[in-house]
Amino acid sequence: MKYTLVIRKGANGFFIGQLKELPEVFTQGLSIAEVKTNIADVLEMYLEDMSAARD
């Protein structure tokens, strides 16, 4: 499945990233590249938690 990453400028120089299809999956970073790296980690943890919850 493909996800849409929405990135907006936050306070204090941070960028905030959130997945459009999964709004509960979000992160922040000091650069867009950091947000992209962080969102991949957060998505992986989220999917692992969802999988464990079904077991």
PDB file of N, CA and C in Angstrom:
ATOM      1  N   MET A   1       0.850  -1.183   0.000  1.00  0.00           N
ATOM      2  CA  MET A   1       0.000   0.000   0.000  1.00  0.00           C
ATOM      3  C   MET A   1       0.893   1.243   0.000  1.00  0.00           C
ATOM      4  N   LYS A   2       0.467   2.240  -0.735  1.00  0.00           N
ATOM      5  CA  LYS A   2       1.195   3.510  -0.768  1.00  0.00           C
ATOM      6  C   LYS A   2       0.545   4.491   0.208  1.00  0.00           C
ATOM      7  N   TYR A   3       1.381   5.294   0.820  1.00  0.00           N
ATOM      8  CA  TYR A   3       0.916   6.298   1.773  1.00  0.00           C
ATOM      9  C   TYR A   3       1.356   7.681   1.311  1.00  0.00           C
ATOM     10  N   THR A   4       0.557   8.664   1.666  1.00  0.00           N
ATOM     11  CA  THR A   4       0.858  10.054   1.342  1.00  0.00           C
ATOM     12  C   THR A   4       1.404  10.739   2.583  1.00  0.00           C
ATOM     13  N   LEU A   5       2.639  11.215   2.501  1.00  0.00           N
ATOM     14  CA  LEU A   5       3.264  11.922   3.617  1.00  0.00           C
ATOM     15  C   LEU A   5       3.024  13.420   3.446  1.00  0.00           C
ATOM     16  N   VAL A   6       2.349  14.005   4.418  1.00  0.00           N
ATOM     17  CA  VAL A   6       2.087  15.442   4.418  1.00  0.00           C
ATOM     18  C   VAL A   6       3.064  16.076   5.407  1.00  0.00           C
ATOM     19  N   ILE A   7       3.846  17.029   4.929  1.00  0.00           N
ATOM     20  CA  ILE A   7       4.839  17.692   5.776  1.00  0.00           C
ATOM     21  C   ILE A   7       4.496  19.170   5.858  1.00  0.00           C
ATOM     22  N   ARG A   8       4.492  19.678   7.088  1.00  0.00           N
ATOM     23  CA  ARG A   8       4.246  21.110   7.279  1.00  0.00           C
ATOM     24  C   ARG A   8       5.300  21.672   8.213  1.00  0.00           C
ATOM     25  N   LYS A   9       5.486  22.948   8.126  1.00  0.00           N
ATOM     26  CA  LYS A   9       6.454  23.642   8.976  1.00  0.00           C
ATOM     27  C   LYS A   9       5.837  23.849  10.356  1.00  0.00           C
ATOM     28  N   GLY A  10       6.545  23.438  11.385  1.00  0.00           N
ATOM     29  CA  GLY A  10       6.086  23.614  12.750  1.00  0.00           C
ATOM     30  C   GLY A  10       6.844  24.736  13.437  1.00  0.00           C
ATOM     31  N   ALA A  11       6.757  24.762  14.742  1.00  0.00           N
ATOM     32  CA  ALA A  11       7.431  25.788  15.535  1.00  0.00           C
ATOM     33  C   ALA A  11       8.896  25.436  15.742  1.00  0.00           C
ATOM     34  N   ASN A  12       9.692  26.425  16.024  1.00  0.00           N
ATOM     35  CA  ASN A  12      11.100  26.262  16.392  1.00  0.00           C
ATOM     36  C   ASN A  12      11.930  25.545  15.333  1.00  0.00           C
ATOM     37  N   GLY A  13      11.582  25.718  14.068  1.00  0.00           N
ATOM     38  CA  GLY A  13      12.374  25.141  12.989  1.00  0.00           C
ATOM     39  C   GLY A  13      12.108  23.685  12.680  1.00  0.00           C
ATOM     40  N   PHE A  14      11.138  23.087  13.334  1.00  0.00           N
ATOM     41  CA  PHE A  14      10.820  21.688  13.096  1.00  0.00           C
ATOM     42  C   PHE A  14       9.851  21.542  11.931  1.00  0.00           C
ATOM     43  N   PHE A  15       9.941  20.388  11.280  1.00  0.00           N
ATOM     44  CA  PHE A  15       8.954  19.975  10.292  1.00  0.00           C
ATOM     45  C   PHE A  15       8.138  18.854  10.911  1.00  0.00           C
ATOM     46  N   ILE A  16       6.850  18.821  10.614  1.00  0.00           N
ATOM     47  CA  ILE A  16       5.960  17.793  11.138  1.00  0.00           C
ATOM     48  C   ILE A  16       5.435  16.992   9.965  1.00  0.00           C
ATOM     49  N   GLY A  17       5.576  15.683  10.063  1.00  0.00           N
ATOM     50  CA  GLY A  17       5.108  14.798   9.005  1.00  0.00           C
ATOM     51  C   GLY A  17       4.007  13.894   9.521  1.00  0.00           C
ATOM     52  N   GLN A  18       2.993  13.687   8.694  1.00  0.00           N
ATOM     53  CA  GLN A  18       1.855  12.855   9.071  1.00  0.00           C
ATOM     54  C   GLN A  18       1.377  12.113   7.831  1.00  0.00           C
ATOM     55  N   LEU A  19       0.996  10.849   8.009  1.00  0.00           N
ATOM     56  CA  LEU A  19       0.477  10.086   6.891  1.00  0.00           C
ATOM     57  C   LEU A  19      -1.004  10.402   6.706  1.00  0.00           C
ATOM     58  N   LYS A  20      -1.373  10.788   5.497  1.00  0.00           N
ATOM     59  CA  LYS A  20      -2.748  11.179   5.205  1.00  0.00           C
ATOM     60  C   LYS A  20      -3.716  10.022   5.460  1.00  0.00           C
ATOM     61  N   GLU A  21      -3.322   8.813   5.071  1.00  0.00           N
ATOM     62  CA  GLU A  21      -4.195   7.650   5.212  1.00  0.00           C
ATOM     63  C   GLU A  21      -4.224   7.093   6.631  1.00  0.00           C
ATOM     64  N   LEU A  22      -3.208   7.403   7.420  1.00  0.00           N
ATOM     65  CA  LEU A  22      -3.115   6.956   8.815  1.00  0.00           C
ATOM     66  C   LEU A  22      -2.738   8.152   9.684  1.00  0.00           C
ATOM     67  N   PRO A  23      -3.677   9.027   9.994  1.00  0.00           N
ATOM     68  CA  PRO A  23      -3.337  10.264  10.713  1.00  0.00           C
ATOM     69  C   PRO A  23      -2.733  10.048  12.094  1.00  0.00           C
ATOM     70  N   GLU A  24      -2.890   8.851  12.642  1.00  0.00           N
ATOM     71  CA  GLU A  24      -2.284   8.577  13.947  1.00  0.00           C
ATOM     72  C   GLU A  24      -0.785   8.307  13.830  1.00  0.00           C
ATOM     73  N   VAL A  25      -0.275   8.202  12.599  1.00  0.00           N
ATOM     74  CA  VAL A  25       1.150   7.996  12.356  1.00  0.00           C
ATOM     75  C   VAL A  25       1.763   9.347  11.981  1.00  0.00           C
ATOM     76  N   PHE A  26       2.545   9.919  12.911  1.00  0.00           N
ATOM     77  CA  PHE A  26       3.147  11.229  12.676  1.00  0.00           C
ATOM     78  C   PHE A  26       4.477  11.317  13.398  1.00  0.00           C
ATOM     79  N   THR A  27       5.283  12.294  12.986  1.00  0.00           N
ATOM     80  CA  THR A  27       6.600  12.494  13.582  1.00  0.00           C
ATOM     81  C   THR A  27       7.056  13.916  13.314  1.00  0.00           C
ATOM     82  N   GLN A  28       8.260  14.223  13.748  1.00  0.00           N
ATOM     83  CA  GLN A  28       8.840  15.536  13.474  1.00  0.00           C
ATOM     84  C   GLN A  28      10.326  15.384  13.209  1.00  0.00           C
ATOM     85  N   GLY A  29      10.929  16.425  12.683  1.00  0.00           N
ATOM     86  CA  GLY A  29      12.361  16.430  12.422  1.00  0.00           C
ATOM     87  C   GLY A  29      12.827  17.830  12.089  1.00  0.00           C
ATOM     88  N   LEU A  30      14.139  18.018  12.118  1.00  0.00           N
ATOM     89  CA  LEU A  30      14.702  19.331  11.809  1.00  0.00           C
ATOM     90  C   LEU A  30      14.857  19.558  10.310  1.00  0.00           C
ATOM     91  N   SER A  31      14.696  18.491   9.524  1.00  0.00           N
ATOM     92  CA  SER A  31      14.755  18.603   8.068  1.00  0.00           C
ATOM     93  C   SER A  31      13.701  17.676   7.463  1.00  0.00           C
ATOM     94  N   ILE A  32      13.409  17.905   6.195  1.00  0.00           N
ATOM     95  CA  ILE A  32      12.452  17.037   5.508  1.00  0.00           C
ATOM     96  C   ILE A  32      13.009  15.622   5.421  1.00  0.00           C
ATOM     97  N   ALA A  33      14.306  15.502   5.175  1.00  0.00           N
ATOM     98  CA  ALA A  33      14.935  14.179   5.114  1.00  0.00           C
ATOM     99  C   ALA A  33      14.788  13.438   6.440  1.00  0.00           C
ATOM    100  N   GLU A  34      14.951  14.147   7.552  1.00  0.00           N
ATOM    101  CA  GLU A  34      14.796  13.527   8.868  1.00  0.00           C
ATOM    102  C   GLU A  34      13.352  13.082   9.090  1.00  0.00           C
ATOM    103  N   VAL A  35      12.399  13.877   8.659  1.00  0.00           N
ATOM    104  CA  VAL A  35      10.988  13.505   8.782  1.00  0.00           C
ATOM    105  C   VAL A  35      10.712  12.233   7.979  1.00  0.00           C
ATOM    106  N   LYS A  36      11.253  12.136   6.782  1.00  0.00           N
ATOM    107  CA  LYS A  36      11.046  10.943   5.948  1.00  0.00           C
ATOM    108  C   LYS A  36      11.636   9.701   6.603  1.00  0.00           C
ATOM    109  N   THR A  37      12.810   9.836   7.189  1.00  0.00           N
ATOM    110  CA  THR A  37      13.426   8.712   7.895  1.00  0.00           C
ATOM    111  C   THR A  37      12.598   8.330   9.110  1.00  0.00           C
ATOM    112  N   ASN A  38      12.195   9.329   9.881  1.00  0.00           N
ATOM    113  CA  ASN A  38      11.429   9.081  11.106  1.00  0.00           C
ATOM    114  C   ASN A  38      10.065   8.466  10.806  1.00  0.00           C
ATOM    115  N   ILE A  39       9.388   8.922   9.755  1.00  0.00           N
ATOM    116  CA  ILE A  39       8.044   8.405   9.466  1.00  0.00           C
ATOM    117  C   ILE A  39       8.120   6.938   9.067  1.00  0.00           C
ATOM    118  N   ALA A  40       9.199   6.543   8.392  1.00  0.00           N
ATOM    119  CA  ALA A  40       9.368   5.131   8.036  1.00  0.00           C
ATOM    120  C   ALA A  40       9.488   4.284   9.302  1.00  0.00           C
ATOM    121  N   ASP A  41      10.238   4.769  10.285  1.00  0.00           N
ATOM    122  CA  ASP A  41      10.382   4.056  11.559  1.00  0.00           C
ATOM    123  C   ASP A  41       9.054   3.978  12.305  1.00  0.00           C
ATOM    124  N   VAL A  42       8.356   5.089  12.354  1.00  0.00           N
ATOM    125  CA  VAL A  42       7.080   5.140  13.073  1.00  0.00           C
ATOM    126  C   VAL A  42       6.052   4.229  12.395  1.00  0.00           C
ATOM    127  N   LEU A  43       6.019   4.234  11.069  1.00  0.00           N
ATOM    128  CA  LEU A  43       5.082   3.374  10.342  1.00  0.00           C
ATOM    129  C   LEU A  43       5.386   1.910  10.620  1.00  0.00           C
ATOM    130  N   GLU A  44       6.653   1.544  10.629  1.00  0.00           N
ATOM    131  CA  GLU A  44       7.028   0.165  10.926  1.00  0.00           C
ATOM    132  C   GLU A  44       6.551  -0.248  12.321  1.00  0.00           C
ATOM    133  N   MET A  45       6.755   0.607  13.313  1.00  0.00           N
ATOM    134  CA  MET A  45       6.294   0.307  14.674  1.00  0.00           C
ATOM    135  C   MET A  45       4.780   0.198  14.728  1.00  0.00           C
ATOM    136  N   TYR A  46       4.096   1.105  14.038  1.00  0.00           N
ATOM    137  CA  TYR A  46       2.631   1.086  14.020  1.00  0.00           C
ATOM    138  C   TYR A  46       2.106  -0.220  13.421  1.00  0.00           C
ATOM    139  N   LEU A  47       2.669  -0.622  12.286  1.00  0.00           N
ATOM    140  CA  LEU A  47       2.206  -1.850  11.636  1.00  0.00           C
ATOM    141  C   LEU A  47       2.512  -3.085  12.490  1.00  0.00           C
ATOM    142  N   GLU A  48       3.653  -3.091  13.178  1.00  0.00           N
ATOM    143  CA  GLU A  48       3.967  -4.181  14.098  1.00  0.00           C
ATOM    144  C   GLU A  48       2.954  -4.245  15.235  1.00  0.00           C
ATOM    145  N   ASP A  49       2.600  -3.095  15.786  1.00  0.00           N
ATOM    146  CA  ASP A  49       1.612  -3.054  16.869  1.00  0.00           C
ATOM    147  C   ASP A  49       0.248  -3.537  16.390  1.00  0.00           C
ATOM    148  N   MET A  50      -0.155  -3.131  15.187  1.00  0.00           N
ATOM    149  CA  MET A  50      -1.443  -3.558  14.646  1.00  0.00           C
ATOM    150  C   MET A  50      -1.457  -5.070  14.406  1.00  0.00           C
ATOM    151  N   SER A  51      -0.345  -5.602  13.945  1.00  0.00           N
ATOM    152  CA  SER A  51      -0.234  -7.033  13.705  1.00  0.00           C
ATOM    153  C   SER A  51      -0.296  -7.807  15.032  1.00  0.00           C
ATOM    154  N   ALA A  52       0.386  -7.308  16.046  1.00  0.00           N
ATOM    155  CA  ALA A  52       0.386  -7.956  17.361  1.00  0.00           C
ATOM    156  C   ALA A  52      -0.998  -7.889  17.998  1.00  0.00           C
ATOM    157  N   ALA A  53      -1.719  -6.825  17.762  1.00  0.00           N
ATOM    158  CA  ALA A  53      -3.057  -6.659  18.344  1.00  0.00           C
ATOM    159  C   ALA A  53      -4.037  -7.664  17.748  1.00  0.00           C
ATOM    160  N   ARG A  54      -3.802  -8.065  16.503  1.00  0.00           N
ATOM    161  CA  ARG A  54      -4.690  -9.054  15.850  1.00  0.00           C
ATOM    162  C   ARG A  54      -4.421 -10.470  16.323  1.00  0.00           C
ATOM    163  N   ASP A  55      -3.214 -10.713  16.828  1.00  0.00           N
ATOM    164  CA  ASP A  55      -2.858 -12.087  17.253  1.00  0.00           C
ATOM    165  C   ASP A  55      -3.523 -12.481  18.529  1.00  0.00           C
TER     166      ASP A  55
END
